[in-house]
Amino acid sequence: MEADKIAGEGGTELVTFREAARRVVEEGIAPSMSHQRVSQLARTDENFPPVQQVGRSKVADWHELKPYFVAHASKAAVRDSRRRLEKKEANDE
């Protein structure tokens, strides 16, 4: 009964960094993502969701990771569009 209650309320869904990277691409959040990049973000970004160690793997809750990656991808898209504009302006000169 407890498992049904948790599933119905949207309990935690722990995923490895490799699975998180796969889902980011599969769900169209970003065009590419590697587990190495997820690991780097976990180490360096203070806003990264909490990480747990399970055996040799690090895992995090997908329900917290997904909004993080959506926000991260939108910030990256803004940076990329600025870079494209800078390149275009440099080529036009």
PDB file of N, CA and C in Angstrom:
ATOM      1  N   MET A   1       0.817  -1.192   0.000  1.00  0.00           N
ATOM      2  CA  MET A   1       0.000   0.000   0.000  1.00  0.00           C
ATOM      3  C   MET A   1       0.863   1.260   0.000  1.00  0.00           C
ATOM      4  N   GLU A   2       1.945   1.256   0.747  1.00  0.00           N
ATOM      5  CA  GLU A   2       2.831   2.418   0.821  1.00  0.00           C
ATOM      6  C   GLU A   2       3.396   2.763  -0.559  1.00  0.00           C
ATOM      7  N   ALA A   3       3.786   1.771  -1.341  1.00  0.00           N
ATOM      8  CA  ALA A   3       4.330   2.026  -2.681  1.00  0.00           C
ATOM      9  C   ALA A   3       3.290   2.686  -3.569  1.00  0.00           C
ATOM     10  N   ASP A   4       2.023   2.261  -3.470  1.00  0.00           N
ATOM     11  CA  ASP A   4       0.959   2.882  -4.260  1.00  0.00           C
ATOM     12  C   ASP A   4       0.784   4.345  -3.877  1.00  0.00           C
ATOM     13  N   LYS A   5       0.868   4.631  -2.598  1.00  0.00           N
ATOM     14  CA  LYS A   5       0.704   5.997  -2.114  1.00  0.00           C
ATOM     15  C   LYS A   5       1.829   6.885  -2.651  1.00  0.00           C
ATOM     16  N   ILE A   6       3.051   6.389  -2.583  1.00  0.00           N
ATOM     17  CA  ILE A   6       4.195   7.154  -3.070  1.00  0.00           C
ATOM     18  C   ILE A   6       4.077   7.385  -4.570  1.00  0.00           C
ATOM     19  N   ALA A   7       3.745   6.336  -5.332  1.00  0.00           N
ATOM     20  CA  ALA A   7       3.627   6.466  -6.779  1.00  0.00           C
ATOM     21  C   ALA A   7       2.522   7.445  -7.148  1.00  0.00           C
ATOM     22  N   GLY A   8       1.428   7.417  -6.427  1.00  0.00           N
ATOM     23  CA  GLY A   8       0.316   8.310  -6.703  1.00  0.00           C
ATOM     24  C   GLY A   8       0.629   9.767  -6.406  1.00  0.00           C
ATOM     25  N   GLU A   9       1.497  10.006  -5.452  1.00  0.00           N
ATOM     26  CA  GLU A   9       1.855  11.372  -5.077  1.00  0.00           C
ATOM     27  C   GLU A   9       3.074  11.875  -5.827  1.00  0.00           C
ATOM     28  N   GLY A  10       3.600  11.082  -6.738  1.00  0.00           N
ATOM     29  CA  GLY A  10       4.782  11.522  -7.470  1.00  0.00           C
ATOM     30  C   GLY A  10       6.023  11.506  -6.609  1.00  0.00           C
ATOM     31  N   GLY A  11       6.277  10.386  -5.946  1.00  0.00           N
ATOM     32  CA  GLY A  11       7.450  10.241  -5.083  1.00  0.00           C
ATOM     33  C   GLY A  11       8.736  10.364  -5.873  1.00  0.00           C
ATOM     34  N   THR A  12       9.840  10.177  -5.196  1.00  0.00           N
ATOM     35  CA  THR A  12      11.132  10.333  -5.853  1.00  0.00           C
ATOM     36  C   THR A  12      11.323   9.293  -6.950  1.00  0.00           C
ATOM     37  N   GLU A  13      12.047   9.692  -7.962  1.00  0.00           N
ATOM     38  CA  GLU A  13      12.407   8.806  -9.065  1.00  0.00           C
ATOM     39  C   GLU A  13      13.907   8.974  -9.278  1.00  0.00           C
ATOM     40  N   LEU A  14      14.681   8.185  -8.529  1.00  0.00           N
ATOM     41  CA  LEU A  14      16.128   8.315  -8.602  1.00  0.00           C
ATOM     42  C   LEU A  14      16.651   7.776  -9.918  1.00  0.00           C
ATOM     43  N   VAL A  15      17.502   8.579 -10.572  1.00  0.00           N
ATOM     44  CA  VAL A  15      18.124   8.161 -11.828  1.00  0.00           C
ATOM     45  C   VAL A  15      19.622   8.408 -11.738  1.00  0.00           C
ATOM     46  N   THR A  16      20.370   7.571 -12.435  1.00  0.00           N
ATOM     47  CA  THR A  16      21.817   7.768 -12.513  1.00  0.00           C
ATOM     48  C   THR A  16      22.098   8.961 -13.417  1.00  0.00           C
ATOM     49  N   PHE A  17      23.313   9.445 -13.388  1.00  0.00           N
ATOM     50  CA  PHE A  17      23.686  10.562 -14.261  1.00  0.00           C
ATOM     51  C   PHE A  17      23.587  10.148 -15.726  1.00  0.00           C
ATOM     52  N   ARG A  18      23.915   8.900 -16.025  1.00  0.00           N
ATOM     53  CA  ARG A  18      23.812   8.407 -17.410  1.00  0.00           C
ATOM     54  C   ARG A  18      22.353   8.433 -17.867  1.00  0.00           C
ATOM     55  N   GLU A  19      21.431   7.981 -17.008  1.00  0.00           N
ATOM     56  CA  GLU A  19      20.007   7.981 -17.339  1.00  0.00           C
ATOM     57  C   GLU A  19      19.477   9.412 -17.440  1.00  0.00           C
ATOM     58  N   ALA A  20      19.943  10.297 -16.573  1.00  0.00           N
ATOM     59  CA  ALA A  20      19.517  11.701 -16.636  1.00  0.00           C
ATOM     60  C   ALA A  20      19.930  12.315 -17.968  1.00  0.00           C
ATOM     61  N   ALA A  21      21.160  12.053 -18.403  1.00  0.00           N
ATOM     62  CA  ALA A  21      21.631  12.589 -19.688  1.00  0.00           C
ATOM     63  C   ALA A  21      20.779  12.048 -20.833  1.00  0.00           C
ATOM     64  N   ARG A  22      20.444  10.762 -20.787  1.00  0.00           N
ATOM     65  CA  ARG A  22      19.625  10.156 -21.836  1.00  0.00           C
ATOM     66  C   ARG A  22      18.246  10.805 -21.878  1.00  0.00           C
ATOM     67  N   ARG A  23      17.655  11.028 -20.706  1.00  0.00           N
ATOM     68  CA  ARG A  23      16.316  11.626 -20.655  1.00  0.00           C
ATOM     69  C   ARG A  23      16.320  13.073 -21.133  1.00  0.00           C
ATOM     70  N   VAL A  24      17.367  13.811 -20.817  1.00  0.00           N
ATOM     71  CA  VAL A  24      17.459  15.207 -21.266  1.00  0.00           C
ATOM     72  C   VAL A  24      17.369  15.265 -22.790  1.00  0.00           C
ATOM     73  N   VAL A  25      18.072  14.367 -23.459  1.00  0.00           N
ATOM     74  CA  VAL A  25      18.041  14.340 -24.925  1.00  0.00           C
ATOM     75  C   VAL A  25      16.717  13.771 -25.425  1.00  0.00           C
ATOM     76  N   GLU A  26      16.271  12.660 -24.840  1.00  0.00           N
ATOM     77  CA  GLU A  26      15.042  11.999 -25.280  1.00  0.00           C
ATOM     78  C   GLU A  26      13.823  12.907 -25.157  1.00  0.00           C
ATOM     79  N   GLU A  27      13.764  13.702 -24.101  1.00  0.00           N
ATOM     80  CA  GLU A  27      12.617  14.578 -23.882  1.00  0.00           C
ATOM     81  C   GLU A  27      12.763  15.927 -24.585  1.00  0.00           C
ATOM     82  N   GLY A  28      13.846  16.089 -25.343  1.00  0.00           N
ATOM     83  CA  GLY A  28      14.025  17.308 -26.125  1.00  0.00           C
ATOM     84  C   GLY A  28      14.397  18.531 -25.307  1.00  0.00           C
ATOM     85  N   ILE A  29      14.899  18.329 -24.121  1.00  0.00           N
ATOM     86  CA  ILE A  29      15.298  19.452 -23.273  1.00  0.00           C
ATOM     87  C   ILE A  29      16.543  20.120 -23.846  1.00  0.00           C
ATOM     88  N   ALA A  30      17.476  19.302 -24.326  1.00  0.00           N
ATOM     89  CA  ALA A  30      18.699  19.802 -24.955  1.00  0.00           C
ATOM     90  C   ALA A  30      19.060  18.856 -26.098  1.00  0.00           C
ATOM     91  N   PRO A  31      19.740  19.375 -27.126  1.00  0.00           N
ATOM     92  CA  PRO A  31      20.074  18.507 -28.260  1.00  0.00           C
ATOM     93  C   PRO A  31      21.109  17.431 -27.930  1.00  0.00           C
ATOM     94  N   SER A  32      21.934  17.693 -26.911  1.00  0.00           N
ATOM     95  CA  SER A  32      22.919  16.684 -26.514  1.00  0.00           C
ATOM     96  C   SER A  32      23.228  16.860 -25.028  1.00  0.00           C
ATOM     97  N   MET A  33      23.608  15.754 -24.415  1.00  0.00           N
ATOM     98  CA  MET A  33      23.992  15.772 -23.001  1.00  0.00           C
ATOM     99  C   MET A  33      24.728  14.467 -22.727  1.00  0.00           C
ATOM    100  N   SER A  34      25.831  14.554 -22.005  1.00  0.00           N
ATOM    101  CA  SER A  34      26.578  13.357 -21.633  1.00  0.00           C
ATOM    102  C   SER A  34      26.540  13.196 -20.118  1.00  0.00           C
ATOM    103  N   HIS A  35      26.777  11.968 -19.674  1.00  0.00           N
ATOM    104  CA  HIS A  35      26.815  11.762 -18.227  1.00  0.00           C
ATOM    105  C   HIS A  35      27.995  12.498 -17.607  1.00  0.00           C
ATOM    106  N   GLN A  36      29.051  12.709 -18.399  1.00  0.00           N
ATOM    107  CA  GLN A  36      30.197  13.468 -17.893  1.00  0.00           C
ATOM    108  C   GLN A  36      29.799  14.922 -17.628  1.00  0.00           C
ATOM    109  N   ARG A  37      28.966  15.490 -18.505  1.00  0.00           N
ATOM    110  CA  ARG A  37      28.514  16.873 -18.321  1.00  0.00           C
ATOM    111  C   ARG A  37      27.596  16.972 -17.100  1.00  0.00           C
ATOM    112  N   VAL A  38      26.733  15.972 -16.916  1.00  0.00           N
ATOM    113  CA  VAL A  38      25.865  15.959 -15.736  1.00  0.00           C
ATOM    114  C   VAL A  38      26.729  15.919 -14.472  1.00  0.00           C
ATOM    115  N   SER A  39      27.752  15.088 -14.481  1.00  0.00           N
ATOM    116  CA  SER A  39      28.658  14.977 -13.340  1.00  0.00           C
ATOM    117  C   SER A  39      29.376  16.302 -13.080  1.00  0.00           C
ATOM    118  N   GLN A  40      29.813  16.965 -14.155  1.00  0.00           N
ATOM    119  CA  GLN A  40      30.490  18.252 -14.018  1.00  0.00           C
ATOM    120  C   GLN A  40      29.549  19.295 -13.406  1.00  0.00           C
ATOM    121  N   LEU A  41      28.322  19.336 -13.890  1.00  0.00           N
ATOM    122  CA  LEU A  41      27.351  20.281 -13.339  1.00  0.00           C
ATOM    123  C   LEU A  41      27.089  19.992 -11.862  1.00  0.00           C
ATOM    124  N   ALA A  42      27.000  18.716 -11.503  1.00  0.00           N
ATOM    125  CA  ALA A  42      26.767  18.343 -10.103  1.00  0.00           C
ATOM    126  C   ALA A  42      27.904  18.824  -9.211  1.00  0.00           C
ATOM    127  N   ARG A  43      29.134  18.783  -9.734  1.00  0.00           N
ATOM    128  CA  ARG A  43      30.298  19.213  -8.955  1.00  0.00           C
ATOM    129  C   ARG A  43      30.419  20.723  -8.860  1.00  0.00           C
ATOM    130  N   THR A  44      30.067  21.445  -9.925  1.00  0.00           N
ATOM    131  CA  THR A  44      30.402  22.857 -10.001  1.00  0.00           C
ATOM    132  C   THR A  44      29.232  23.820  -9.819  1.00  0.00           C
ATOM    133  N   ASP A  45      28.002  23.381 -10.057  1.00  0.00           N
ATOM    134  CA  ASP A  45      26.852  24.282  -9.988  1.00  0.00           C
ATOM    135  C   ASP A  45      26.169  24.141  -8.629  1.00  0.00           C
ATOM    136  N   GLU A  46      26.188  25.219  -7.868  1.00  0.00           N
ATOM    137  CA  GLU A  46      25.588  25.170  -6.524  1.00  0.00           C
ATOM    138  C   GLU A  46      24.068  24.999  -6.576  1.00  0.00           C
ATOM    139  N   ASN A  47      23.449  25.237  -7.724  1.00  0.00           N
ATOM    140  CA  ASN A  47      21.995  25.084  -7.865  1.00  0.00           C
ATOM    141  C   ASN A  47      21.582  23.670  -8.286  1.00  0.00           C
ATOM    142  N   PHE A  48      22.564  22.791  -8.501  1.00  0.00           N
ATOM    143  CA  PHE A  48      22.256  21.422  -8.915  1.00  0.00           C
ATOM    144  C   PHE A  48      21.495  20.720  -7.790  1.00  0.00           C
ATOM    145  N   PRO A  49      20.468  19.948  -8.143  1.00  0.00           N
ATOM    146  CA  PRO A  49      19.695  19.238  -7.110  1.00  0.00           C
ATOM    147  C   PRO A  49      20.572  18.290  -6.279  1.00  0.00           C
ATOM    148  N   PRO A  50      20.111  17.925  -5.084  1.00  0.00           N
ATOM    149  CA  PRO A  50      20.889  17.037  -4.209  1.00  0.00           C
ATOM    150  C   PRO A  50      21.210  15.697  -4.877  1.00  0.00           C
ATOM    151  N   VAL A  51      22.426  15.236  -4.618  1.00  0.00           N
ATOM    152  CA  VAL A  51      22.930  13.987  -5.202  1.00  0.00           C
ATOM    153  C   VAL A  51      23.173  12.986  -4.080  1.00  0.00           C
ATOM    154  N   GLN A  52      22.880  11.716  -4.368  1.00  0.00           N
ATOM    155  CA  GLN A  52      23.145  10.637  -3.418  1.00  0.00           C
ATOM    156  C   GLN A  52      24.083   9.635  -4.066  1.00  0.00           C
ATOM    157  N   GLN A  53      24.858   8.957  -3.251  1.00  0.00           N
ATOM    158  CA  GLN A  53      25.741   7.899  -3.732  1.00  0.00           C
ATOM    159  C   GLN A  53      25.058   6.564  -3.487  1.00  0.00           C
ATOM    160  N   VAL A  54      24.923   5.756  -4.534  1.00  0.00           N
ATOM    161  CA  VAL A  54      24.374   4.406  -4.417  1.00  0.00           C
ATOM    162  C   VAL A  54      25.400   3.469  -5.042  1.00  0.00           C
ATOM    163  N   GLY A  55      26.099   2.746  -4.186  1.00  0.00           N
ATOM    164  CA  GLY A  55      27.201   1.922  -4.689  1.00  0.00           C
ATOM    165  C   GLY A  55      28.259   2.834  -5.288  1.00  0.00           C
ATOM    166  N   ARG A  56      28.613   2.576  -6.550  1.00  0.00           N
ATOM    167  CA  ARG A  56      29.601   3.420  -7.231  1.00  0.00           C
ATOM    168  C   ARG A  56      28.943   4.509  -8.062  1.00  0.00           C
ATOM    169  N   SER A  57      27.623   4.504  -8.127  1.00  0.00           N
ATOM    170  CA  SER A  57      26.898   5.471  -8.959  1.00  0.00           C
ATOM    171  C   SER A  57      26.367   6.624  -8.131  1.00  0.00           C
ATOM    172  N   LYS A  58      26.275   7.772  -8.771  1.00  0.00           N
ATOM    173  CA  LYS A  58      25.616   8.914  -8.158  1.00  0.00           C
ATOM    174  C   LYS A  58      24.241   9.031  -8.784  1.00  0.00           C
ATOM    175  N   VAL A  59      23.256   9.325  -7.954  1.00  0.00           N
ATOM    176  CA  VAL A  59      21.876   9.421  -8.419  1.00  0.00           C
ATOM    177  C   VAL A  59      21.244  10.703  -7.878  1.00  0.00           C
ATOM    178  N   ALA A  60      20.196  11.141  -8.578  1.00  0.00           N
ATOM    179  CA  ALA A  60      19.425  12.293  -8.143  1.00  0.00           C
ATOM    180  C   ALA A  60      17.978  12.062  -8.556  1.00  0.00           C
ATOM    181  N   ASP A  61      17.087  12.815  -7.957  1.00  0.00           N
ATOM    182  CA  ASP A  61      15.665  12.678  -8.232  1.00  0.00           C
ATOM    183  C   ASP A  61      15.322  13.356  -9.554  1.00  0.00           C
ATOM    184  N   TRP A  62      14.758  12.604 -10.493  1.00  0.00           N
ATOM    185  CA  TRP A  62      14.418  13.137 -11.806  1.00  0.00           C
ATOM    186  C   TRP A  62      13.412  14.280 -11.697  1.00  0.00           C
ATOM    187  N   HIS A  63      12.523  14.226 -10.705  1.00  0.00           N
ATOM    188  CA  HIS A  63      11.525  15.281 -10.536  1.00  0.00           C
ATOM    189  C   HIS A  63      12.177  16.622 -10.185  1.00  0.00           C
ATOM    190  N   GLU A  64      13.374  16.596  -9.641  1.00  0.00           N
ATOM    191  CA  GLU A  64      14.125  17.823  -9.369  1.00  0.00           C
ATOM    192  C   GLU A  64      15.097  18.139 -10.505  1.00  0.00           C
ATOM    193  N   LEU A  65      15.623  17.094 -11.154  1.00  0.00           N
ATOM    194  CA  LEU A  65      16.576  17.300 -12.238  1.00  0.00           C
ATOM    195  C   LEU A  65      15.930  17.920 -13.478  1.00  0.00           C
ATOM    196  N   LYS A  66      14.730  17.463 -13.822  1.00  0.00           N
ATOM    197  CA  LYS A  66      14.104  17.940 -15.057  1.00  0.00           C
ATOM    198  C   LYS A  66      13.927  19.458 -15.069  1.00  0.00           C
ATOM    199  N   PRO A  67      13.329  20.069 -14.034  1.00  0.00           N
ATOM    200  CA  PRO A  67      13.219  21.532 -14.058  1.00  0.00           C
ATOM    201  C   PRO A  67      14.588  22.225 -14.073  1.00  0.00           C
ATOM    202  N   TYR A  68      15.567  21.628 -13.401  1.00  0.00           N
ATOM    203  CA  TYR A  68      16.919  22.194 -13.415  1.00  0.00           C
ATOM    204  C   TYR A  68      17.458  22.226 -14.838  1.00  0.00           C
ATOM    205  N   PHE A  69      17.339  21.097 -15.564  1.00  0.00           N
ATOM    206  CA  PHE A  69      17.876  21.041 -16.921  1.00  0.00           C
ATOM    207  C   PHE A  69      17.084  21.910 -17.893  1.00  0.00           C
ATOM    208  N   VAL A  70      15.779  22.047 -17.691  1.00  0.00           N
ATOM    209  CA  VAL A  70      14.982  22.948 -18.537  1.00  0.00           C
ATOM    210  C   VAL A  70      15.494  24.378 -18.373  1.00  0.00           C
ATOM    211  N   ALA A  71      15.695  24.803 -17.134  1.00  0.00           N
ATOM    212  CA  ALA A  71      16.208  26.155 -16.882  1.00  0.00           C
ATOM    213  C   ALA A  71      17.622  26.309 -17.430  1.00  0.00           C
ATOM    214  N   HIS A  72      18.441  25.295 -17.233  1.00  0.00           N
ATOM    215  CA  HIS A  72      19.828  25.337 -17.706  1.00  0.00           C
ATOM    216  C   HIS A  72      19.872  25.419 -19.229  1.00  0.00           C
ATOM    217  N   ALA A  73      19.017  24.670 -19.910  1.00  0.00           N
ATOM    218  CA  ALA A  73      18.988  24.674 -21.374  1.00  0.00           C
ATOM    219  C   ALA A  73      18.526  26.020 -21.908  1.00  0.00           C
ATOM    220  N   SER A  74      17.578  26.647 -21.240  1.00  0.00           N
ATOM    221  CA  SER A  74      17.115  27.951 -21.726  1.00  0.00           C
ATOM    222  C   SER A  74      18.207  29.009 -21.562  1.00  0.00           C
ATOM    223  N   LYS A  75      18.975  28.941 -20.469  1.00  0.00           N
ATOM    224  CA  LYS A  75      20.101  29.876 -20.297  1.00  0.00           C
ATOM    225  C   LYS A  75      21.164  29.627 -21.362  1.00  0.00           C
ATOM    226  N   ALA A  76      21.420  28.363 -21.671  1.00  0.00           N
ATOM    227  CA  ALA A  76      22.407  28.029 -22.696  1.00  0.00           C
ATOM    228  C   ALA A  76      21.947  28.502 -24.075  1.00  0.00           C
ATOM    229  N   ALA A  77      20.654  28.400 -24.353  1.00  0.00           N
ATOM    230  CA  ALA A  77      20.125  28.842 -25.643  1.00  0.00           C
ATOM    231  C   ALA A  77      20.297  30.348 -25.809  1.00  0.00           C
ATOM    232  N   VAL A  78      20.095  31.101 -24.746  1.00  0.00           N
ATOM    233  CA  VAL A  78      20.293  32.556 -24.808  1.00  0.00           C
ATOM    234  C   VAL A  78      21.755  32.865 -25.092  1.00  0.00           C
ATOM    235  N   ARG A  79      22.669  32.171 -24.398  1.00  0.00           N
ATOM    236  CA  ARG A  79      24.105  32.389 -24.644  1.00  0.00           C
ATOM    237  C   ARG A  79      24.454  32.052 -26.083  1.00  0.00           C
ATOM    238  N   ASP A  80      23.932  30.932 -26.588  1.00  0.00           N
ATOM    239  CA  ASP A  80      24.240  30.522 -27.954  1.00  0.00           C
ATOM    240  C   ASP A  80      23.709  31.519 -28.972  1.00  0.00           C
ATOM    241  N   SER A  81      22.511  32.044 -28.756  1.00  0.00           N
ATOM    242  CA  SER A  81      21.960  33.006 -29.708  1.00  0.00           C
ATOM    243  C   SER A  81      22.802  34.277 -29.716  1.00  0.00           C
ATOM    244  N   ARG A  82      23.300  34.704 -28.548  1.00  0.00           N
ATOM    245  CA  ARG A  82      24.183  35.876 -28.515  1.00  0.00           C
ATOM    246  C   ARG A  82      25.469  35.589 -29.275  1.00  0.00           C
ATOM    247  N   ARG A  83      26.020  34.405 -29.117  1.00  0.00           N
ATOM    248  CA  ARG A  83      27.254  34.050 -29.826  1.00  0.00           C
ATOM    249  C   ARG A  83      27.028  34.049 -31.330  1.00  0.00           C
ATOM    250  N   ARG A  84      25.876  33.527 -31.759  1.00  0.00           N
ATOM    251  CA  ARG A  84      25.581  33.509 -33.191  1.00  0.00           C
ATOM    252  C   ARG A  84      25.471  34.928 -33.742  1.00  0.00           C
ATOM    253  N   LEU A  85      24.845  35.816 -32.978  1.00  0.00           N
ATOM    254  CA  LEU A  85      24.731  37.210 -33.415  1.00  0.00           C
ATOM    255  C   LEU A  85      26.104  37.861 -33.512  1.00  0.00           C
ATOM    256  N   GLU A  86      26.973  37.604 -32.538  1.00  0.00           N
ATOM    257  CA  GLU A  86      28.316  38.170 -32.570  1.00  0.00           C
ATOM    258  C   GLU A  86      29.083  37.677 -33.781  1.00  0.00           C
ATOM    259  N   LYS A  87      28.978  36.372 -34.081  1.00  0.00           N
ATOM    260  CA  LYS A  87      29.665  35.824 -35.243  1.00  0.00           C
ATOM    261  C   LYS A  87      29.125  36.436 -36.529  1.00  0.00           C
ATOM    262  N   LYS A  88      27.804  36.580 -36.619  1.00  0.00           N
ATOM    263  CA  LYS A  88      27.182  37.131 -37.823  1.00  0.00           C
ATOM    264  C   LYS A  88      27.644  38.572 -38.021  1.00  0.00           C
ATOM    265  N   GLU A  89      27.660  39.359 -36.953  1.00  0.00           N
ATOM    266  CA  GLU A  89      28.087  40.749 -37.063  1.00  0.00           C
ATOM    267  C   GLU A  89      29.542  40.828 -37.471  1.00  0.00           C
ATOM    268  N   ALA A  90      30.382  39.944 -36.978  1.00  0.00           N
ATOM    269  CA  ALA A  90      31.803  39.934 -37.345  1.00  0.00           C
ATOM    270  C   ALA A  90      31.972  39.554 -38.818  1.00  0.00           C
ATOM    271  N   ASN A  91      31.157  38.625 -39.308  1.00  0.00           N
ATOM    272  CA  ASN A  91      31.230  38.218 -40.715  1.00  0.00           C
ATOM    273  C   ASN A  91      30.695  39.289 -41.643  1.00  0.00           C
ATOM    274  N   ASP A  92      29.767  40.100 -41.191  1.00  0.00           N
ATOM    275  CA  ASP A  92      29.167  41.135 -42.022  1.00  0.00           C
ATOM    276  C   ASP A  92      30.135  42.306 -42.250  1.00  0.00           C
ATOM    277  N   GLU A  93      31.119  42.450 -41.383  1.00  0.00           N
ATOM    278  CA  GLU A  93      32.049  43.576 -41.497  1.00  0.00           C
ATOM    279  C   GLU A  93      33.067  43.386 -42.564  1.00  0.00           C
TER     280      GLU A  93
END
